């Protein structure tokens, strides 16, 4: 996968959150997602948690929003 620019977060308006929408794909394909900004009381969503650990990236995630795309380590 070609290197993409790193994703840059934009400031959020009060009472807004970022929701990561994962795209479907094969288990051996890179993860692709959209980041959507929505009001905290907007569409339903499921929360994910993750474990803090070694900060060395093991994979890239192609992340697309309405303005640009980038990669998350």
C-alpha atoms as a PDB file:
ATOM      1  CA  UNK A   1       0.000   0.000   0.000  1.00  0.00           C
ATOM      2  CA  UNK A   2       1.391   3.393  -0.925  1.00  0.00           C
ATOM      3  CA  UNK A   3       2.102   5.722   1.945  1.00  0.00           C
ATOM      4  CA  UNK A   4      -0.656   8.249   2.607  1.00  0.00           C
ATOM      5  CA  UNK A   5      -0.356  11.458   4.617  1.00  0.00           C
ATOM      6  CA  UNK A   6      -1.075  10.998   8.324  1.00  0.00           C
ATOM      7  CA  UNK A   7      -4.627  11.831   9.343  1.00  0.00           C
ATOM      8  CA  UNK A   8      -4.988  15.256  10.993  1.00  0.00           C
ATOM      9  CA  UNK A   9      -7.744  15.728  13.529  1.00  0.00           C
ATOM     10  CA  UNK A  10      -9.819  18.898  13.340  1.00  0.00           C
ATOM     11  CA  UNK A  11     -11.296  20.579  16.432  1.00  0.00           C
ATOM     12  CA  UNK A  12     -14.744  19.357  17.441  1.00  0.00           C
ATOM     13  CA  UNK A  13     -17.756  21.526  18.176  1.00  0.00           C
ATOM     14  CA  UNK A  14     -19.236  21.203  21.667  1.00  0.00           C
ATOM     15  CA  UNK A  15     -21.275  18.015  22.190  1.00  0.00           C
ATOM     16  CA  UNK A  16     -19.767  16.347  19.093  1.00  0.00           C
ATOM     17  CA  UNK A  17     -17.789  13.109  18.818  1.00  0.00           C
ATOM     18  CA  UNK A  18     -15.796  11.291  16.136  1.00  0.00           C
ATOM     19  CA  UNK A  19     -17.218   7.936  15.053  1.00  0.00           C
ATOM     20  CA  UNK A  20     -15.026   5.495  13.148  1.00  0.00           C
ATOM     21  CA  UNK A  21     -17.016   3.513  10.562  1.00  0.00           C
ATOM     22  CA  UNK A  22     -15.175   0.357   9.472  1.00  0.00           C
ATOM     23  CA  UNK A  23     -15.644  -0.816   5.874  1.00  0.00           C
ATOM     24  CA  UNK A  24     -16.198  -4.534   5.257  1.00  0.00           C
ATOM     25  CA  UNK A  25     -13.341  -6.487   3.704  1.00  0.00           C
ATOM     26  CA  UNK A  26     -11.359  -9.720   3.782  1.00  0.00           C
ATOM     27  CA  UNK A  27      -9.437 -10.500   6.973  1.00  0.00           C
ATOM     28  CA  UNK A  28      -6.078 -10.204   5.183  1.00  0.00           C
ATOM     29  CA  UNK A  29      -6.824  -6.788   3.622  1.00  0.00           C
ATOM     30  CA  UNK A  30      -5.790  -3.442   5.159  1.00  0.00           C
ATOM     31  CA  UNK A  31      -8.463  -1.827   7.316  1.00  0.00           C
ATOM     32  CA  UNK A  32     -10.380   0.990   5.634  1.00  0.00           C
ATOM     33  CA  UNK A  33     -12.648   3.338   7.557  1.00  0.00           C
ATOM     34  CA  UNK A  34     -14.459   6.665   7.531  1.00  0.00           C
ATOM     35  CA  UNK A  35     -14.321   9.157  10.369  1.00  0.00           C
ATOM     36  CA  UNK A  36     -17.649  10.877  10.841  1.00  0.00           C
ATOM     37  CA  UNK A  37     -18.269  13.781  13.199  1.00  0.00           C
ATOM     38  CA  UNK A  38     -21.693  13.646  14.796  1.00  0.00           C
ATOM     39  CA  UNK A  39     -23.614  15.104  17.706  1.00  0.00           C
ATOM     40  CA  UNK A  40     -23.293  12.981  20.849  1.00  0.00           C
ATOM     41  CA  UNK A  41     -27.035  12.266  20.695  1.00  0.00           C
ATOM     42  CA  UNK A  42     -26.965  11.405  16.968  1.00  0.00           C
ATOM     43  CA  UNK A  43     -26.975   7.987  15.308  1.00  0.00           C
ATOM     44  CA  UNK A  44     -26.412   4.959  17.531  1.00  0.00           C
ATOM     45  CA  UNK A  45     -22.890   3.524  17.660  1.00  0.00           C
ATOM     46  CA  UNK A  46     -20.967   0.726  19.342  1.00  0.00           C
ATOM     47  CA  UNK A  47     -17.910   1.547  21.403  1.00  0.00           C
ATOM     48  CA  UNK A  48     -14.630  -0.325  20.971  1.00  0.00           C
ATOM     49  CA  UNK A  49     -11.833  -0.461  23.484  1.00  0.00           C
ATOM     50  CA  UNK A  50      -8.204  -1.194  22.914  1.00  0.00           C
ATOM     51  CA  UNK A  51      -5.202  -2.152  24.959  1.00  0.00           C
ATOM     52  CA  UNK A  52      -2.332   0.234  25.593  1.00  0.00           C
ATOM     53  CA  UNK A  53       0.957  -1.394  24.721  1.00  0.00           C
ATOM     54  CA  UNK A  54       3.908  -1.178  22.406  1.00  0.00           C
ATOM     55  CA  UNK A  55       3.396   2.018  20.355  1.00  0.00           C
ATOM     56  CA  UNK A  56       5.135   0.540  17.294  1.00  0.00           C
ATOM     57  CA  UNK A  57       2.537   0.440  14.476  1.00  0.00           C
ATOM     58  CA  UNK A  58       1.850  -3.074  13.215  1.00  0.00           C
ATOM     59  CA  UNK A  59      -0.485  -2.046  10.394  1.00  0.00           C
ATOM     60  CA  UNK A  60      -1.810   1.009   8.604  1.00  0.00           C
ATOM     61  CA  UNK A  61      -5.448   2.009   8.486  1.00  0.00           C
ATOM     62  CA  UNK A  62      -6.704   3.991   5.489  1.00  0.00           C
ATOM     63  CA  UNK A  63      -8.927   6.647   6.999  1.00  0.00           C
ATOM     64  CA  UNK A  64     -11.162   8.897   4.888  1.00  0.00           C
ATOM     65  CA  UNK A  65     -13.201  11.910   5.935  1.00  0.00           C
ATOM     66  CA  UNK A  66     -15.141  14.520   3.986  1.00  0.00           C
ATOM     67  CA  UNK A  67     -12.046  16.665   3.428  1.00  0.00           C
ATOM     68  CA  UNK A  68      -9.136  14.287   2.824  1.00  0.00           C
ATOM     69  CA  UNK A  69      -7.631  10.926   3.556  1.00  0.00           C
ATOM     70  CA  UNK A  70      -4.701   9.788   5.590  1.00  0.00           C
ATOM     71  CA  UNK A  71      -3.381   6.845   7.505  1.00  0.00           C
ATOM     72  CA  UNK A  72      -3.604   5.970  11.151  1.00  0.00           C
ATOM     73  CA  UNK A  73      -0.649   4.057  12.569  1.00  0.00           C
END
